[in-house]
Amino acid sequence: GKTTNHAVVLAQLYTGGKCHGIHAFIVQHRDMETHQPLPGIEVGD
């Protein structure tokens, strides 16, 4: 809600039009300097 800037995100993996199921990805969601949400991301408490 307030603290983190990265997450290990579980998502359905698609490649070549085929779903390969749940996999983990590292995704940044806040700016490292301003701590504001990055473009395309909604995040909150």
Full PDB file with SEQRES, HELIX, SHEET, SSBOND, CRYST1, ORIGX, SCALE, CONECT and MASTER records, all heavy atoms in Angstrom:
SEQRES   1 A   45  GLY LYS THR THR ASN HIS ALA VAL VAL LEU ALA GLN LEU          
SEQRES   2 A   45  TYR THR GLY GLY LYS CYS HIS GLY ILE HIS ALA PHE ILE          
SEQRES   3 A   45  VAL GLN HIS ARG ASP MET GLU THR HIS GLN PRO LEU PRO          
SEQRES   4 A   45  GLY ILE GLU VAL GLY ASP                                      
SHEET    1 AA1 2 HIS A   6  THR A  15  0                                        
SHEET    2 AA1 2 LYS A  18  GLN A  28 -1                                        
CRYST1    1.000    1.000    1.000  90.00  90.00  90.00 P 1           1          
ORIGX1      1.000000  0.000000  0.000000        0.00000                         
ORIGX2      0.000000  1.000000  0.000000        0.00000                         
ORIGX3      0.000000  0.000000  1.000000        0.00000                         
SCALE1      1.000000  0.000000  0.000000        0.00000                         
SCALE2      0.000000  1.000000  0.000000        0.00000                         
SCALE3      0.000000  0.000000  1.000000        0.00000                         
ATOM      1  N   GLY A   1       0.790  -1.231   0.000  1.00  0.00           N  
ATOM      2  CA  GLY A   1       0.000   0.000   0.000  1.00  0.00           C  
ATOM      3  C   GLY A   1       0.818   1.275   0.000  1.00  0.00           C  
ATOM      4  O   GLY A   1       0.493   2.237  -0.701  1.00  0.00           O  
ATOM      5  N   LYS A   2       1.902   1.311   0.771  1.00  0.00           N  
ATOM      6  CA  LYS A   2       2.706   2.527   0.892  1.00  0.00           C  
ATOM      7  C   LYS A   2       4.192   2.285   0.690  1.00  0.00           C  
ATOM      8  O   LYS A   2       4.918   3.193   0.294  1.00  0.00           O  
ATOM      9  CB  LYS A   2       2.515   3.141   2.292  1.00  0.00           C  
ATOM     10  CG  LYS A   2       1.098   3.516   2.660  1.00  0.00           C  
ATOM     11  CD  LYS A   2       1.054   4.048   4.102  1.00  0.00           C  
ATOM     12  CE  LYS A   2      -0.367   4.381   4.515  1.00  0.00           C  
ATOM     13  NZ  LYS A   2      -0.415   4.872   5.927  1.00  0.00           N  
ATOM     14  N   THR A   3       4.674   1.090   0.977  1.00  0.00           N  
ATOM     15  CA  THR A   3       6.095   0.895   1.241  1.00  0.00           C  
ATOM     16  C   THR A   3       6.922   0.453   0.046  1.00  0.00           C  
ATOM     17  O   THR A   3       7.988   1.012  -0.221  1.00  0.00           O  
ATOM     18  CB  THR A   3       6.266  -0.142   2.373  1.00  0.00           C  
ATOM     19  OG1 THR A   3       5.461   0.244   3.495  1.00  0.00           O  
ATOM     20  CG2 THR A   3       7.718  -0.232   2.801  1.00  0.00           C  
ATOM     21  N   THR A   4       6.489  -0.565  -0.665  1.00  0.00           N  
ATOM     22  CA  THR A   4       7.357  -1.243  -1.619  1.00  0.00           C  
ATOM     23  C   THR A   4       7.446  -0.528  -2.965  1.00  0.00           C  
ATOM     24  O   THR A   4       6.572   0.266  -3.324  1.00  0.00           O  
ATOM     25  CB  THR A   4       6.872  -2.687  -1.862  1.00  0.00           C  
ATOM     26  OG1 THR A   4       5.512  -2.631  -2.329  1.00  0.00           O  
ATOM     27  CG2 THR A   4       6.938  -3.491  -0.592  1.00  0.00           C  
ATOM     28  N   ASN A   5       8.498  -0.885  -3.719  1.00  0.00           N  
ATOM     29  CA  ASN A   5       8.638  -0.354  -5.081  1.00  0.00           C  
ATOM     30  C   ASN A   5       8.752  -1.456  -6.131  1.00  0.00           C  
ATOM     31  O   ASN A   5       8.738  -1.190  -7.330  1.00  0.00           O  
ATOM     32  CB  ASN A   5       9.837   0.598  -5.183  1.00  0.00           C  
ATOM     33  CG  ASN A   5      11.088   0.042  -4.524  1.00  0.00           C  
ATOM     34  OD1 ASN A   5      11.432  -1.122  -4.699  1.00  0.00           O  
ATOM     35  ND2 ASN A   5      11.759   0.879  -3.729  1.00  0.00           N  
ATOM     36  N   HIS A   6       8.888  -2.700  -5.716  1.00  0.00           N  
ATOM     37  CA  HIS A   6       8.937  -3.842  -6.618  1.00  0.00           C  
ATOM     38  C   HIS A   6       8.051  -4.959  -6.061  1.00  0.00           C  
ATOM     39  O   HIS A   6       7.750  -4.980  -4.859  1.00  0.00           O  
ATOM     40  CB  HIS A   6      10.365  -4.385  -6.776  1.00  0.00           C  
ATOM     41  CG  HIS A   6      11.249  -3.551  -7.652  1.00  0.00           C  
ATOM     42  ND1 HIS A   6      11.697  -2.287  -7.278  1.00  0.00           N  
ATOM     43  CD2 HIS A   6      11.775  -3.793  -8.889  1.00  0.00           C  
ATOM     44  CE1 HIS A   6      12.460  -1.794  -8.243  1.00  0.00           C  
ATOM     45  NE2 HIS A   6      12.530  -2.688  -9.223  1.00  0.00           N  
ATOM     46  N   ALA A   7       7.679  -5.876  -6.952  1.00  0.00           N  
ATOM     47  CA  ALA A   7       6.899  -7.045  -6.532  1.00  0.00           C  
ATOM     48  C   ALA A   7       7.247  -8.241  -7.390  1.00  0.00           C  
ATOM     49  O   ALA A   7       7.535  -8.104  -8.585  1.00  0.00           O  
ATOM     50  CB  ALA A   7       5.402  -6.751  -6.640  1.00  0.00           C  
ATOM     51  N   VAL A   8       7.222  -9.415  -6.763  1.00  0.00           N  
ATOM     52  CA  VAL A   8       7.187 -10.656  -7.529  1.00  0.00           C  
ATOM     53  C   VAL A   8       5.719 -10.896  -7.843  1.00  0.00           C  
ATOM     54  O   VAL A   8       4.901 -11.084  -6.943  1.00  0.00           O  
ATOM     55  CB  VAL A   8       7.770 -11.837  -6.729  1.00  0.00           C  
ATOM     56  CG1 VAL A   8       7.475 -13.151  -7.446  1.00  0.00           C  
ATOM     57  CG2 VAL A   8       9.264 -11.670  -6.539  1.00  0.00           C  
ATOM     58  N   VAL A   9       5.376 -10.835  -9.120  1.00  0.00           N  
ATOM     59  CA  VAL A   9       3.984 -10.873  -9.561  1.00  0.00           C  
ATOM     60  C   VAL A   9       3.698 -12.211 -10.231  1.00  0.00           C  
ATOM     61  O   VAL A   9       4.437 -12.644 -11.129  1.00  0.00           O  
ATOM     62  CB  VAL A   9       3.698  -9.725 -10.554  1.00  0.00           C  
ATOM     63  CG1 VAL A   9       2.259  -9.792 -11.057  1.00  0.00           C  
ATOM     64  CG2 VAL A   9       3.981  -8.380  -9.898  1.00  0.00           C  
ATOM     65  N   LEU A  10       2.633 -12.881  -9.810  1.00  0.00           N  
ATOM     66  CA  LEU A  10       2.199 -14.109 -10.458  1.00  0.00           C  
ATOM     67  C   LEU A  10       1.183 -13.778 -11.542  1.00  0.00           C  
ATOM     68  O   LEU A  10       0.203 -13.057 -11.286  1.00  0.00           O  
ATOM     69  CB  LEU A  10       1.597 -15.082  -9.454  1.00  0.00           C  
ATOM     70  CG  LEU A  10       2.582 -16.123  -8.904  1.00  0.00           C  
ATOM     71  CD1 LEU A  10       3.752 -15.448  -8.194  1.00  0.00           C  
ATOM     72  CD2 LEU A  10       1.888 -17.094  -7.967  1.00  0.00           C  
ATOM     73  N   ALA A  11       1.448 -14.283 -12.754  1.00  0.00           N  
ATOM     74  CA  ALA A  11       0.590 -13.975 -13.892  1.00  0.00           C  
ATOM     75  C   ALA A  11       0.547 -15.152 -14.854  1.00  0.00           C  
ATOM     76  O   ALA A  11       1.445 -16.006 -14.868  1.00  0.00           O  
ATOM     77  CB  ALA A  11       1.108 -12.724 -14.607  1.00  0.00           C  
ATOM     78  N   GLN A  12      -0.493 -15.189 -15.683  1.00  0.00           N  
ATOM     79  CA  GLN A  12      -0.616 -16.197 -16.732  1.00  0.00           C  
ATOM     80  C   GLN A  12       0.332 -15.824 -17.872  1.00  0.00           C  
ATOM     81  O   GLN A  12       0.230 -14.747 -18.450  1.00  0.00           O  
ATOM     82  CB  GLN A  12      -2.061 -16.247 -17.256  1.00  0.00           C  
ATOM     83  CG  GLN A  12      -3.118 -16.556 -16.202  1.00  0.00           C  
ATOM     84  CD  GLN A  12      -3.184 -18.031 -15.837  1.00  0.00           C  
ATOM     85  OE1 GLN A  12      -2.425 -18.844 -16.367  1.00  0.00           O  
ATOM     86  NE2 GLN A  12      -4.085 -18.378 -14.919  1.00  0.00           N  
ATOM     87  N   LEU A  13       1.232 -16.735 -18.191  1.00  0.00           N  
ATOM     88  CA  LEU A  13       2.239 -16.473 -19.222  1.00  0.00           C  
ATOM     89  C   LEU A  13       1.705 -16.858 -20.605  1.00  0.00           C  
ATOM     90  O   LEU A  13       1.305 -18.002 -20.839  1.00  0.00           O  
ATOM     91  CB  LEU A  13       3.508 -17.271 -18.912  1.00  0.00           C  
ATOM     92  CG  LEU A  13       4.576 -17.349 -20.010  1.00  0.00           C  
ATOM     93  CD1 LEU A  13       5.085 -15.959 -20.366  1.00  0.00           C  
ATOM     94  CD2 LEU A  13       5.725 -18.238 -19.575  1.00  0.00           C  
ATOM     95  N   TYR A  14       1.725 -15.890 -21.522  1.00  0.00           N  
ATOM     96  CA  TYR A  14       1.326 -16.129 -22.909  1.00  0.00           C  
ATOM     97  C   TYR A  14       2.508 -15.857 -23.826  1.00  0.00           C  
ATOM     98  O   TYR A  14       3.175 -14.827 -23.701  1.00  0.00           O  
ATOM     99  CB  TYR A  14       0.170 -15.206 -23.316  1.00  0.00           C  
ATOM    100  CG  TYR A  14      -1.170 -15.582 -22.737  1.00  0.00           C  
ATOM    101  CD1 TYR A  14      -1.552 -15.128 -21.472  1.00  0.00           C  
ATOM    102  CD2 TYR A  14      -2.053 -16.388 -23.447  1.00  0.00           C  
ATOM    103  CE1 TYR A  14      -2.788 -15.468 -20.935  1.00  0.00           C  
ATOM    104  CE2 TYR A  14      -3.293 -16.737 -22.918  1.00  0.00           C  
ATOM    105  CZ  TYR A  14      -3.649 -16.273 -21.675  1.00  0.00           C  
ATOM    106  OH  TYR A  14      -4.872 -16.614 -21.139  1.00  0.00           O  
ATOM    107  N   THR A  15       2.744 -16.775 -24.733  1.00  0.00           N  
ATOM    108  CA  THR A  15       3.729 -16.545 -25.786  1.00  0.00           C  
ATOM    109  C   THR A  15       3.304 -17.326 -27.015  1.00  0.00           C  
ATOM    110  O   THR A  15       2.856 -18.475 -26.907  1.00  0.00           O  
ATOM    111  CB  THR A  15       5.147 -16.954 -25.348  1.00  0.00           C  
ATOM    112  OG1 THR A  15       6.066 -16.706 -26.418  1.00  0.00           O  
ATOM    113  CG2 THR A  15       5.243 -18.406 -24.947  1.00  0.00           C  
ATOM    114  N   GLY A  16       3.398 -16.689 -28.182  1.00  0.00           N  
ATOM    115  CA  GLY A  16       2.965 -17.330 -29.417  1.00  0.00           C  
ATOM    116  C   GLY A  16       1.501 -17.693 -29.410  1.00  0.00           C  
ATOM    117  O   GLY A  16       1.101 -18.674 -30.054  1.00  0.00           O  
ATOM    118  N   GLY A  17       0.691 -16.929 -28.664  1.00  0.00           N  
ATOM    119  CA  GLY A  17      -0.737 -17.190 -28.610  1.00  0.00           C  
ATOM    120  C   GLY A  17      -1.153 -18.325 -27.699  1.00  0.00           C  
ATOM    121  O   GLY A  17      -2.332 -18.666 -27.609  1.00  0.00           O  
ATOM    122  N   LYS A  18      -0.209 -18.923 -26.983  1.00  0.00           N  
ATOM    123  CA  LYS A  18      -0.509 -20.049 -26.098  1.00  0.00           C  
ATOM    124  C   LYS A  18      -0.264 -19.678 -24.644  1.00  0.00           C  
ATOM    125  O   LYS A  18       0.716 -19.005 -24.326  1.00  0.00           O  
ATOM    126  CB  LYS A  18       0.354 -21.248 -26.478  1.00  0.00           C  
ATOM    127  CG  LYS A  18       0.088 -22.492 -25.629  1.00  0.00           C  
ATOM    128  CD  LYS A  18       0.985 -23.650 -26.045  1.00  0.00           C  
ATOM    129  CE  LYS A  18       0.740 -24.880 -25.191  1.00  0.00           C  
ATOM    130  NZ  LYS A  18       1.622 -26.015 -25.571  1.00  0.00           N  
ATOM    131  N   CYS A  19      -1.149 -20.129 -23.771  1.00  0.00           N  
ATOM    132  CA  CYS A  19      -0.990 -19.885 -22.334  1.00  0.00           C  
ATOM    133  C   CYS A  19      -0.208 -21.033 -21.711  1.00  0.00           C  
ATOM    134  O   CYS A  19      -0.550 -22.209 -21.901  1.00  0.00           O  
ATOM    135  CB  CYS A  19      -2.344 -19.752 -21.654  1.00  0.00           C  
ATOM    136  SG  CYS A  19      -2.223 -19.446 -19.873  1.00  0.00           S  
ATOM    137  N   HIS A  20       0.818 -20.704 -20.977  1.00  0.00           N  
ATOM    138  CA  HIS A  20       1.661 -21.706 -20.315  1.00  0.00           C  
ATOM    139  C   HIS A  20       1.442 -21.729 -18.800  1.00  0.00           C  
ATOM    140  O   HIS A  20       2.253 -22.300 -18.071  1.00  0.00           O  
ATOM    141  CB  HIS A  20       3.134 -21.433 -20.631  1.00  0.00           C  
ATOM    142  CG  HIS A  20       3.469 -21.577 -22.084  1.00  0.00           C  
ATOM    143  ND1 HIS A  20       3.692 -22.795 -22.685  1.00  0.00           N  
ATOM    144  CD2 HIS A  20       3.583 -20.643 -23.060  1.00  0.00           C  
ATOM    145  CE1 HIS A  20       3.950 -22.619 -23.969  1.00  0.00           C  
ATOM    146  NE2 HIS A  20       3.898 -21.330 -24.229  1.00  0.00           N  
ATOM    147  N   GLY A  21       0.383 -21.105 -18.336  1.00  0.00           N  
ATOM    148  CA  GLY A  21       0.070 -21.160 -16.917  1.00  0.00           C  
ATOM    149  C   GLY A  21       0.760 -20.076 -16.100  1.00  0.00           C  
ATOM    150  O   GLY A  21       1.346 -19.140 -16.633  1.00  0.00           O  
ATOM    151  N   ILE A  22       0.676 -20.244 -14.796  1.00  0.00           N  
ATOM    152  CA  ILE A  22       1.156 -19.223 -13.863  1.00  0.00           C  
ATOM    153  C   ILE A  22       2.683 -19.235 -13.760  1.00  0.00           C  
ATOM    154  O   ILE A  22       3.296 -20.282 -13.567  1.00  0.00           O  
ATOM    155  CB  ILE A  22       0.544 -19.442 -12.467  1.00  0.00           C  
ATOM    156  CG1 ILE A  22      -0.965 -19.186 -12.516  1.00  0.00           C  
ATOM    157  CG2 ILE A  22       1.199 -18.539 -11.437  1.00  0.00           C  
ATOM    158  CD1 ILE A  22      -1.350 -17.771 -12.868  1.00  0.00           C  
ATOM    159  N   HIS A  23       3.272 -18.057 -13.879  1.00  0.00           N  
ATOM    160  CA  HIS A  23       4.711 -17.866 -13.706  1.00  0.00           C  
ATOM    161  C   HIS A  23       4.946 -16.574 -12.922  1.00  0.00           C  
ATOM    162  O   HIS A  23       4.047 -15.741 -12.783  1.00  0.00           O  
ATOM    163  CB  HIS A  23       5.431 -17.824 -15.051  1.00  0.00           C  
ATOM    164  CG  HIS A  23       5.496 -19.146 -15.735  1.00  0.00           C  
ATOM    165  ND1 HIS A  23       4.379 -19.736 -16.296  1.00  0.00           N  
ATOM    166  CD2 HIS A  23       6.522 -20.017 -15.941  1.00  0.00           C  
ATOM    167  CE1 HIS A  23       4.712 -20.912 -16.815  1.00  0.00           C  
ATOM    168  NE2 HIS A  23       6.014 -21.104 -16.617  1.00  0.00           N  
ATOM    169  N   ALA A  24       6.162 -16.428 -12.420  1.00  0.00           N  
ATOM    170  CA  ALA A  24       6.501 -15.276 -11.580  1.00  0.00           C  
ATOM    171  C   ALA A  24       7.382 -14.287 -12.348  1.00  0.00           C  
ATOM    172  O   ALA A  24       8.268 -14.680 -13.105  1.00  0.00           O  
ATOM    173  CB  ALA A  24       7.220 -15.740 -10.319  1.00  0.00           C  
ATOM    174  N   PHE A  25       7.130 -13.000 -12.101  1.00  0.00           N  
ATOM    175  CA  PHE A  25       7.853 -11.914 -12.765  1.00  0.00           C  
ATOM    176  C   PHE A  25       8.195 -10.831 -11.747  1.00  0.00           C  
ATOM    177  O   PHE A  25       7.434 -10.598 -10.802  1.00  0.00           O  
ATOM    178  CB  PHE A  25       6.994 -11.289 -13.876  1.00  0.00           C  
ATOM    179  CG  PHE A  25       6.534 -12.276 -14.918  1.00  0.00           C  
ATOM    180  CD1 PHE A  25       5.409 -13.068 -14.695  1.00  0.00           C  
ATOM    181  CD2 PHE A  25       7.235 -12.427 -16.097  1.00  0.00           C  
ATOM    182  CE1 PHE A  25       4.993 -13.999 -15.638  1.00  0.00           C  
ATOM    183  CE2 PHE A  25       6.827 -13.357 -17.053  1.00  0.00           C  
ATOM    184  CZ  PHE A  25       5.695 -14.140 -16.818  1.00  0.00           C  
ATOM    185  N   ILE A  26       9.338 -10.181 -11.942  1.00  0.00           N  
ATOM    186  CA  ILE A  26       9.694  -9.036 -11.107  1.00  0.00           C  
ATOM    187  C   ILE A  26       9.215  -7.777 -11.821  1.00  0.00           C  
ATOM    188  O   ILE A  26       9.615  -7.522 -12.968  1.00  0.00           O  
ATOM    189  CB  ILE A  26      11.215  -8.959 -10.884  1.00  0.00           C  
ATOM    190  CG1 ILE A  26      11.731 -10.248 -10.248  1.00  0.00           C  
ATOM    191  CG2 ILE A  26      11.557  -7.763 -10.001  1.00  0.00           C  
ATOM    192  CD1 ILE A  26      13.240 -10.310 -10.142  1.00  0.00           C  
ATOM    193  N   VAL A  27       8.369  -7.016 -11.139  1.00  0.00           N  
ATOM    194  CA  VAL A  27       7.796  -5.821 -11.754  1.00  0.00           C  
ATOM    195  C   VAL A  27       7.963  -4.639 -10.804  1.00  0.00           C  
ATOM    196  O   VAL A  27       7.606  -4.726  -9.624  1.00  0.00           O  
ATOM    197  CB  VAL A  27       6.300  -6.009 -12.079  1.00  0.00           C  
ATOM    198  CG1 VAL A  27       5.773  -4.804 -12.874  1.00  0.00           C  
ATOM    199  CG2 VAL A  27       6.066  -7.300 -12.858  1.00  0.00           C  
ATOM    200  N   GLN A  28       8.502  -3.546 -11.308  1.00  0.00           N  
ATOM    201  CA  GLN A  28       8.616  -2.310 -10.526  1.00  0.00           C  
ATOM    202  C   GLN A  28       7.301  -1.550 -10.624  1.00  0.00           C  
ATOM    203  O   GLN A  28       6.731  -1.428 -11.708  1.00  0.00           O  
ATOM    204  CB  GLN A  28       9.760  -1.448 -11.065  1.00  0.00           C  
ATOM    205  CG  GLN A  28       9.984  -0.165 -10.262  1.00  0.00           C  
ATOM    206  CD  GLN A  28      11.144   0.666 -10.807  1.00  0.00           C  
ATOM    207  OE1 GLN A  28      11.938   0.184 -11.604  1.00  0.00           O  
ATOM    208  NE2 GLN A  28      11.220   1.919 -10.381  1.00  0.00           N  
ATOM    209  N   HIS A  29       6.824  -1.020  -9.493  1.00  0.00           N  
ATOM    210  CA  HIS A  29       5.563  -0.283  -9.540  1.00  0.00           C  
ATOM    211  C   HIS A  29       5.668   1.151  -9.030  1.00  0.00           C  
ATOM    212  O   HIS A  29       4.715   1.915  -9.187  1.00  0.00           O  
ATOM    213  CB  HIS A  29       4.449  -1.024  -8.781  1.00  0.00           C  
ATOM    214  CG  HIS A  29       4.826  -1.473  -7.405  1.00  0.00           C  
ATOM    215  ND1 HIS A  29       5.214  -2.775  -7.129  1.00  0.00           N  
ATOM    216  CD2 HIS A  29       4.864  -0.817  -6.223  1.00  0.00           C  
ATOM    217  CE1 HIS A  29       5.473  -2.897  -5.844  1.00  0.00           C  
ATOM    218  NE2 HIS A  29       5.272  -1.722  -5.268  1.00  0.00           N  
ATOM    219  N   ARG A  30       6.792   1.524  -8.416  1.00  0.00           N  
ATOM    220  CA  ARG A  30       6.962   2.909  -7.981  1.00  0.00           C  
ATOM    221  C   ARG A  30       8.317   3.444  -8.432  1.00  0.00           C  
ATOM    222  O   ARG A  30       9.292   2.687  -8.533  1.00  0.00           O  
ATOM    223  CB  ARG A  30       6.844   3.034  -6.449  1.00  0.00           C  
ATOM    224  CG  ARG A  30       5.421   2.896  -5.918  1.00  0.00           C  
ATOM    225  CD  ARG A  30       5.352   3.262  -4.429  1.00  0.00           C  
ATOM    226  NE  ARG A  30       3.985   3.283  -3.929  1.00  0.00           N  
ATOM    227  CZ  ARG A  30       3.387   2.284  -3.295  1.00  0.00           C  
ATOM    228  NH1 ARG A  30       4.059   1.162  -3.067  1.00  0.00           N  
ATOM    229  NH2 ARG A  30       2.141   2.393  -2.877  1.00  0.00           N  
ATOM    230  N   ASP A  31       8.360   4.760  -8.676  1.00  0.00           N  
ATOM    231  CA  ASP A  31       9.597   5.424  -9.066  1.00  0.00           C  
ATOM    232  C   ASP A  31      10.600   5.368  -7.918  1.00  0.00           C  
ATOM    233  O   ASP A  31      10.238   5.585  -6.757  1.00  0.00           O  
ATOM    234  CB  ASP A  31       9.305   6.880  -9.450  1.00  0.00           C  
ATOM    235  CG  ASP A  31      10.523   7.584 -10.009  1.00  0.00           C  
ATOM    236  OD1 ASP A  31      11.310   8.114  -9.198  1.00  0.00           O  
ATOM    237  OD2 ASP A  31      10.683   7.606 -11.239  1.00  0.00           O  
ATOM    238  N   MET A  32      11.845   5.086  -8.222  1.00  0.00           N  
ATOM    239  CA  MET A  32      12.857   4.925  -7.187  1.00  0.00           C  
ATOM    240  C   MET A  32      13.241   6.244  -6.530  1.00  0.00           C  
ATOM    241  O   MET A  32      13.785   6.262  -5.429  1.00  0.00           O  
ATOM    242  CB  MET A  32      14.104   4.251  -7.768  1.00  0.00           C  
ATOM    243  CG  MET A  32      13.840   2.861  -8.339  1.00  0.00           C  
ATOM    244  SD  MET A  32      13.202   1.696  -7.115  1.00  0.00           S  
ATOM    245  CE  MET A  32      14.631   1.498  -6.068  1.00  0.00           C  
ATOM    246  N   GLU A  33      12.977   7.362  -7.170  1.00  0.00           N  
ATOM    247  CA  GLU A  33      13.315   8.674  -6.603  1.00  0.00           C  
ATOM    248  C   GLU A  33      12.112   9.325  -5.928  1.00  0.00           C  
ATOM    249  O   GLU A  33      12.190   9.780  -4.789  1.00  0.00           O  
ATOM    250  CB  GLU A  33      13.860   9.595  -7.705  1.00  0.00           C  
ATOM    251  CG  GLU A  33      15.151   9.102  -8.348  1.00  0.00           C  
ATOM    252  CD  GLU A  33      16.302   9.067  -7.364  1.00  0.00           C  
ATOM    253  OE1 GLU A  33      16.317   9.890  -6.421  1.00  0.00           O  
ATOM    254  OE2 GLU A  33      17.192   8.202  -7.527  1.00  0.00           O  
ATOM    255  N   THR A  34      10.981   9.357  -6.636  1.00  0.00           N  
ATOM    256  CA  THR A  34       9.802  10.073  -6.116  1.00  0.00           C  
ATOM    257  C   THR A  34       8.850   9.169  -5.340  1.00  0.00           C  
ATOM    258  O   THR A  34       7.988   9.660  -4.614  1.00  0.00           O  
ATOM    259  CB  THR A  34       9.036  10.709  -7.268  1.00  0.00           C  
ATOM    260  OG1 THR A  34       8.477   9.658  -8.098  1.00  0.00           O  
ATOM    261  CG2 THR A  34       9.947  11.600  -8.109  1.00  0.00           C  
ATOM    262  N   HIS A  35       8.974   7.864  -5.512  1.00  0.00           N  
ATOM    263  CA  HIS A  35       8.092   6.862  -4.903  1.00  0.00           C  
ATOM    264  C   HIS A  35       6.654   6.966  -5.439  1.00  0.00           C  
ATOM    265  O   HIS A  35       5.721   6.410  -4.857  1.00  0.00           O  
ATOM    266  CB  HIS A  35       8.075   6.980  -3.378  1.00  0.00           C  
ATOM    267  CG  HIS A  35       7.699   5.692  -2.677  1.00  0.00           C  
ATOM    268  ND1 HIS A  35       8.413   4.521  -2.803  1.00  0.00           N  
ATOM    269  CD2 HIS A  35       6.649   5.393  -1.846  1.00  0.00           C  
ATOM    270  CE1 HIS A  35       7.844   3.562  -2.078  1.00  0.00           C  
ATOM    271  NE2 HIS A  35       6.768   4.069  -1.500  1.00  0.00           N  
ATOM    272  N   GLN A  36       6.470   7.664  -6.536  1.00  0.00           N  
ATOM    273  CA  GLN A  36       5.154   7.762  -7.154  1.00  0.00           C  
ATOM    274  C   GLN A  36       4.914   6.565  -8.076  1.00  0.00           C  
ATOM    275  O   GLN A  36       5.858   5.977  -8.616  1.00  0.00           O  
ATOM    276  CB  GLN A  36       5.052   9.061  -7.959  1.00  0.00           C  
ATOM    277  CG  GLN A  36       5.082  10.321  -7.114  1.00  0.00           C  
ATOM    278  CD  GLN A  36       3.946  10.347  -6.095  1.00  0.00           C  
ATOM    279  OE1 GLN A  36       2.777  10.213  -6.449  1.00  0.00           O  
ATOM    280  NE2 GLN A  36       4.302  10.504  -4.826  1.00  0.00           N  
ATOM    281  N   PRO A  37       3.643   6.171  -8.282  1.00  0.00           N  
ATOM    282  CA  PRO A  37       3.353   5.055  -9.187  1.00  0.00           C  
ATOM    283  C   PRO A  37       3.880   5.322 -10.593  1.00  0.00           C  
ATOM    284  O   PRO A  37       3.799   6.450 -11.090  1.00  0.00           O  
ATOM    285  CB  PRO A  37       1.821   4.978  -9.180  1.00  0.00           C  
ATOM    286  CG  PRO A  37       1.414   5.608  -7.879  1.00  0.00           C  
ATOM    287  CD  PRO A  37       2.417   6.682  -7.622  1.00  0.00           C  
ATOM    288  N   LEU A  38       4.412   4.302 -11.217  1.00  0.00           N  
ATOM    289  CA  LEU A  38       4.911   4.417 -12.581  1.00  0.00           C  
ATOM    290  C   LEU A  38       3.750   4.472 -13.567  1.00  0.00           C  
ATOM    291  O   LEU A  38       2.618   4.071 -13.246  1.00  0.00           O  
ATOM    292  CB  LEU A  38       5.818   3.227 -12.896  1.00  0.00           C  
ATOM    293  CG  LEU A  38       7.130   3.141 -12.103  1.00  0.00           C  
ATOM    294  CD1 LEU A  38       7.870   1.854 -12.449  1.00  0.00           C  
ATOM    295  CD2 LEU A  38       8.012   4.348 -12.372  1.00  0.00           C  
ATOM    296  N   PRO A  39       4.000   4.954 -14.779  1.00  0.00           N  
ATOM    297  CA  PRO A  39       2.933   5.020 -15.791  1.00  0.00           C  
ATOM    298  C   PRO A  39       2.295   3.654 -16.028  1.00  0.00           C  
ATOM    299  O   PRO A  39       2.985   2.628 -16.084  1.00  0.00           O  
ATOM    300  CB  PRO A  39       3.683   5.508 -17.041  1.00  0.00           C  
ATOM    301  CG  PRO A  39       4.846   6.270 -16.513  1.00  0.00           C  
ATOM    302  CD  PRO A  39       5.260   5.547 -15.269  1.00  0.00           C  
ATOM    303  N   GLY A  40       0.985   3.648 -16.124  1.00  0.00           N  
ATOM    304  CA  GLY A  40       0.253   2.417 -16.375  1.00  0.00           C  
ATOM    305  C   GLY A  40      -0.030   1.596 -15.141  1.00  0.00           C  
ATOM    306  O   GLY A  40      -0.556   0.486 -15.250  1.00  0.00           O  
ATOM    307  N   ILE A  41       0.313   2.117 -13.983  1.00  0.00           N  
ATOM    308  CA  ILE A  41       0.148   1.349 -12.746  1.00  0.00           C  
ATOM    309  C   ILE A  41      -0.712   2.113 -11.739  1.00  0.00           C  
ATOM    310  O   ILE A  41      -0.494   3.300 -11.482  1.00  0.00           O  
ATOM    311  CB  ILE A  41       1.521   1.023 -12.117  1.00  0.00           C  
ATOM    312  CG1 ILE A  41       2.273   0.030 -13.016  1.00  0.00           C  
ATOM    313  CG2 ILE A  41       1.363   0.448 -10.715  1.00  0.00           C  
ATOM    314  CD1 ILE A  41       3.660  -0.307 -12.535  1.00  0.00           C  
ATOM    315  N   GLU A  42      -1.701   1.428 -11.200  1.00  0.00           N  
ATOM    316  CA  GLU A  42      -2.489   1.938 -10.081  1.00  0.00           C  
ATOM    317  C   GLU A  42      -2.094   1.135  -8.849  1.00  0.00           C  
ATOM    318  O   GLU A  42      -2.140  -0.101  -8.867  1.00  0.00           O  
ATOM    319  CB  GLU A  42      -3.981   1.763 -10.331  1.00  0.00           C  
ATOM    320  CG  GLU A  42      -4.547   2.525 -11.505  1.00  0.00           C  
ATOM    321  CD  GLU A  42      -6.025   2.223 -11.694  1.00  0.00           C  
ATOM    322  OE1 GLU A  42      -6.817   2.600 -10.805  1.00  0.00           O  
ATOM    323  OE2 GLU A  42      -6.371   1.606 -12.708  1.00  0.00           O  
ATOM    324  N   VAL A  43      -1.716   1.802  -7.789  1.00  0.00           N  
ATOM    325  CA  VAL A  43      -1.303   1.109  -6.573  1.00  0.00           C  
ATOM    326  C   VAL A  43      -1.699   1.936  -5.370  1.00  0.00           C  
ATOM    327  O   VAL A  43      -1.656   3.171  -5.399  1.00  0.00           O  
ATOM    328  CB  VAL A  43       0.223   0.839  -6.576  1.00  0.00           C  
ATOM    329  CG1 VAL A  43       1.020   2.126  -6.644  1.00  0.00           C  
ATOM    330  CG2 VAL A  43       0.648  -0.001  -5.373  1.00  0.00           C  
ATOM    331  N   GLY A  44      -2.127   1.263  -4.296  1.00  0.00           N  
ATOM    332  CA  GLY A  44      -2.509   1.980  -3.085  1.00  0.00           C  
ATOM    333  C   GLY A  44      -2.842   1.032  -1.957  1.00  0.00           C  
ATOM    334  O   GLY A  44      -2.704  -0.190  -2.071  1.00  0.00           O  
ATOM    335  N   ASP A  45      -3.284   1.603  -0.843  1.00  0.00           N  
ATOM    336  CA  ASP A  45      -3.591   0.857   0.377  1.00  0.00           C  
ATOM    337  C   ASP A  45      -5.055   0.425   0.356  1.00  0.00           C  
ATOM    338  O   ASP A  45      -5.920   1.184  -0.092  1.00  0.00           O  
ATOM    339  CB  ASP A  45      -3.318   1.745   1.588  1.00  0.00           C  
ATOM    340  CG  ASP A  45      -3.421   0.996   2.901  1.00  0.00           C  
ATOM    341  OD1 ASP A  45      -4.531   0.900   3.450  1.00  0.00           O  
ATOM    342  OD2 ASP A  45      -2.385   0.501   3.367  1.00  0.00           O  
TER     343      ASP A  45                                                      
MASTER        0    0    0    0    2    0    0    6  342    1    0    4          
END                                                                             
